[in-house]
Amino acid sequence: MILQLFLLTAAGLFAIGLYGALSQQSIVMLMMGLELMLNGVMLAAAALWYFLAPAGTEGQVLIVVVLTAMAVEMAAGFAVATAIYRARQVDMTDGAADLKG
């Protein structure tokens, strides 16, 4: 395995996620785009740590902690999106903007 292949895959995931986050109006699709972007960053970080310090486990532990925090954050976000949909039947980002205050 070569580092460039991992970084190219991570860049592809990030680009697809960025396109999904910027082009979609559905809250769920927006969150899926953000998830893909975060996965691309995590893949790049894991590959860099593997190739720069393969014997050290600090990078692996940090990635597992960040991945767990990311999963909890996305679960909370989906719970909020579900609550918004159940309360007002709104599933688009511009329709959820009037929920301020």
C-alpha atoms as a PDB file:
ATOM      1  CA  MET A   1       0.000   0.000   0.000  1.00  0.00           C
ATOM      2  CA  ILE A   2       1.247   3.447  -0.819  1.00  0.00           C
ATOM      3  CA  LEU A   3       0.468   6.706   0.950  1.00  0.00           C
ATOM      4  CA  GLN A   4      -0.593   8.497  -2.227  1.00  0.00           C
ATOM      5  CA  LEU A   5      -3.393   5.992  -2.828  1.00  0.00           C
ATOM      6  CA  PHE A   6      -4.809   6.565   0.645  1.00  0.00           C
ATOM      7  CA  LEU A   7      -4.539  10.338   0.296  1.00  0.00           C
ATOM      8  CA  LEU A   8      -6.189  10.229  -3.133  1.00  0.00           C
ATOM      9  CA  THR A   9      -9.056   8.162  -1.719  1.00  0.00           C
ATOM     10  CA  ALA A  10      -9.383  10.575   1.218  1.00  0.00           C
ATOM     11  CA  ALA A  11      -9.437  13.553  -1.154  1.00  0.00           C
ATOM     12  CA  GLY A  12     -12.125  11.827  -3.230  1.00  0.00           C
ATOM     13  CA  LEU A  13     -14.268  11.186  -0.152  1.00  0.00           C
ATOM     14  CA  PHE A  14     -13.835  14.785   0.962  1.00  0.00           C
ATOM     15  CA  ALA A  15     -14.718  16.138  -2.497  1.00  0.00           C
ATOM     16  CA  ILE A  16     -17.840  13.980  -2.790  1.00  0.00           C
ATOM     17  CA  GLY A  17     -18.887  15.010   0.715  1.00  0.00           C
ATOM     18  CA  LEU A  18     -18.295  18.693  -0.043  1.00  0.00           C
ATOM     19  CA  TYR A  19     -20.391  18.457  -3.185  1.00  0.00           C
ATOM     20  CA  GLY A  20     -23.136  16.677  -1.264  1.00  0.00           C
ATOM     21  CA  ALA A  21     -23.097  19.194   1.569  1.00  0.00           C
ATOM     22  CA  LEU A  22     -23.209  22.226  -0.735  1.00  0.00           C
ATOM     23  CA  SER A  23     -25.676  20.979  -3.331  1.00  0.00           C
ATOM     24  CA  GLN A  24     -28.383  19.305  -1.236  1.00  0.00           C
ATOM     25  CA  GLN A  25     -31.224  20.988   0.611  1.00  0.00           C
ATOM     26  CA  SER A  26     -32.400  17.962   2.528  1.00  0.00           C
ATOM     27  CA  ILE A  27     -31.139  17.939   6.104  1.00  0.00           C
ATOM     28  CA  VAL A  28     -30.337  14.227   5.978  1.00  0.00           C
ATOM     29  CA  MET A  29     -28.382  14.521   2.723  1.00  0.00           C
ATOM     30  CA  LEU A  30     -26.497  17.515   4.116  1.00  0.00           C
ATOM     31  CA  MET A  31     -25.497  15.503   7.159  1.00  0.00           C
ATOM     32  CA  MET A  32     -24.439  12.591   4.949  1.00  0.00           C
ATOM     33  CA  GLY A  33     -22.176  14.959   3.016  1.00  0.00           C
ATOM     34  CA  LEU A  34     -20.648  16.194   6.262  1.00  0.00           C
ATOM     35  CA  GLU A  35     -20.114  12.597   7.355  1.00  0.00           C
ATOM     36  CA  LEU A  36     -18.279  11.800   4.119  1.00  0.00           C
ATOM     37  CA  MET A  37     -16.078  14.861   4.573  1.00  0.00           C
ATOM     38  CA  LEU A  38     -15.176  13.839   8.106  1.00  0.00           C
ATOM     39  CA  ASN A  39     -14.454  10.282   6.964  1.00  0.00           C
ATOM     40  CA  GLY A  40     -12.081  11.624   4.306  1.00  0.00           C
ATOM     41  CA  VAL A  41     -10.200  13.633   6.906  1.00  0.00           C
ATOM     42  CA  MET A  42     -10.032  10.653   9.241  1.00  0.00           C
ATOM     43  CA  LEU A  43      -8.719   8.398   6.464  1.00  0.00           C
ATOM     44  CA  ALA A  44      -5.998  10.911   5.603  1.00  0.00           C
ATOM     45  CA  ALA A  45      -5.010  11.262   9.272  1.00  0.00           C
ATOM     46  CA  ALA A  46      -4.918   7.483   9.778  1.00  0.00           C
ATOM     47  CA  ALA A  47      -2.804   6.978   6.667  1.00  0.00           C
ATOM     48  CA  LEU A  48      -0.355   9.700   7.671  1.00  0.00           C
ATOM     49  CA  TRP A  49       0.045   8.284  11.164  1.00  0.00           C
ATOM     50  CA  TYR A  50       0.482   4.761   9.791  1.00  0.00           C
ATOM     51  CA  PHE A  51       3.197   5.791   7.361  1.00  0.00           C
ATOM     52  CA  LEU A  52       4.990   8.314   9.589  1.00  0.00           C
ATOM     53  CA  ALA A  53       4.985   6.375  12.872  1.00  0.00           C
ATOM     54  CA  PRO A  54       3.884   2.762  12.324  1.00  0.00           C
ATOM     55  CA  ALA A  55       5.112   1.588  15.735  1.00  0.00           C
ATOM     56  CA  GLY A  56       3.291   4.250  17.751  1.00  0.00           C
ATOM     57  CA  THR A  57      -0.275   3.635  18.861  1.00  0.00           C
ATOM     58  CA  GLU A  58      -1.083   7.200  19.927  1.00  0.00           C
ATOM     59  CA  GLY A  59      -2.428   8.105  16.496  1.00  0.00           C
ATOM     60  CA  GLN A  60      -4.631   5.034  16.340  1.00  0.00           C
ATOM     61  CA  VAL A  61      -6.110   5.749  19.753  1.00  0.00           C
ATOM     62  CA  LEU A  62      -6.761   9.372  18.825  1.00  0.00           C
ATOM     63  CA  ILE A  63      -8.502   8.315  15.603  1.00  0.00           C
ATOM     64  CA  VAL A  64     -10.742   5.861  17.464  1.00  0.00           C
ATOM     65  CA  VAL A  65     -11.667   8.573  19.999  1.00  0.00           C
ATOM     66  CA  VAL A  66     -12.422  11.126  17.274  1.00  0.00           C
ATOM     67  CA  LEU A  67     -14.398   8.546  15.278  1.00  0.00           C
ATOM     68  CA  THR A  68     -16.495   7.750  18.351  1.00  0.00           C
ATOM     69  CA  ALA A  69     -17.133  11.437  19.028  1.00  0.00           C
ATOM     70  CA  MET A  70     -18.079  11.919  15.373  1.00  0.00           C
ATOM     71  CA  ALA A  71     -20.569   9.033  15.530  1.00  0.00           C
ATOM     72  CA  VAL A  72     -22.191  10.465  18.674  1.00  0.00           C
ATOM     73  CA  GLU A  73     -22.370  13.920  17.083  1.00  0.00           C
ATOM     74  CA  MET A  74     -24.030  12.583  13.939  1.00  0.00           C
ATOM     75  CA  ALA A  75     -26.501  10.516  15.993  1.00  0.00           C
ATOM     76  CA  ALA A  76     -27.466  13.650  17.932  1.00  0.00           C
ATOM     77  CA  GLY A  77     -27.818  15.574  14.674  1.00  0.00           C
ATOM     78  CA  PHE A  78     -30.093  12.925  13.185  1.00  0.00           C
ATOM     79  CA  ALA A  79     -32.161  12.966  16.383  1.00  0.00           C
ATOM     80  CA  VAL A  80     -32.601  16.744  16.068  1.00  0.00           C
ATOM     81  CA  ALA A  81     -33.508  16.406  12.376  1.00  0.00           C
ATOM     82  CA  THR A  82     -36.068  13.732  13.242  1.00  0.00           C
ATOM     83  CA  ALA A  83     -37.533  15.910  15.996  1.00  0.00           C
ATOM     84  CA  ILE A  84     -37.816  18.869  13.609  1.00  0.00           C
ATOM     85  CA  TYR A  85     -39.526  16.698  11.025  1.00  0.00           C
ATOM     86  CA  ARG A  86     -41.987  15.254  13.535  1.00  0.00           C
ATOM     87  CA  ALA A  87     -42.824  18.669  14.990  1.00  0.00           C
ATOM     88  CA  ARG A  88     -43.233  20.697  11.790  1.00  0.00           C
ATOM     89  CA  GLN A  89     -43.029  18.265   8.842  1.00  0.00           C
ATOM     90  CA  VAL A  90     -39.953  20.155   7.622  1.00  0.00           C
ATOM     91  CA  ASP A  91     -37.120  18.242   5.984  1.00  0.00           C
ATOM     92  CA  MET A  92     -35.432  20.989   3.974  1.00  0.00           C
ATOM     93  CA  THR A  93     -32.773  23.350   5.293  1.00  0.00           C
ATOM     94  CA  ASP A  94     -34.503  26.563   4.234  1.00  0.00           C
ATOM     95  CA  GLY A  95     -37.731  25.452   5.905  1.00  0.00           C
ATOM     96  CA  ALA A  96     -35.907  24.777   9.168  1.00  0.00           C
ATOM     97  CA  ALA A  97     -34.405  28.290   9.198  1.00  0.00           C
ATOM     98  CA  ASP A  98     -37.586  29.797  10.706  1.00  0.00           C
ATOM     99  CA  LEU A  99     -37.113  27.724  13.872  1.00  0.00           C
ATOM    100  CA  LYS A 100     -34.810  30.400  15.349  1.00  0.00           C
ATOM    101  CA  GLY A 101     -35.322  31.804  18.797  1.00  0.00           C
END
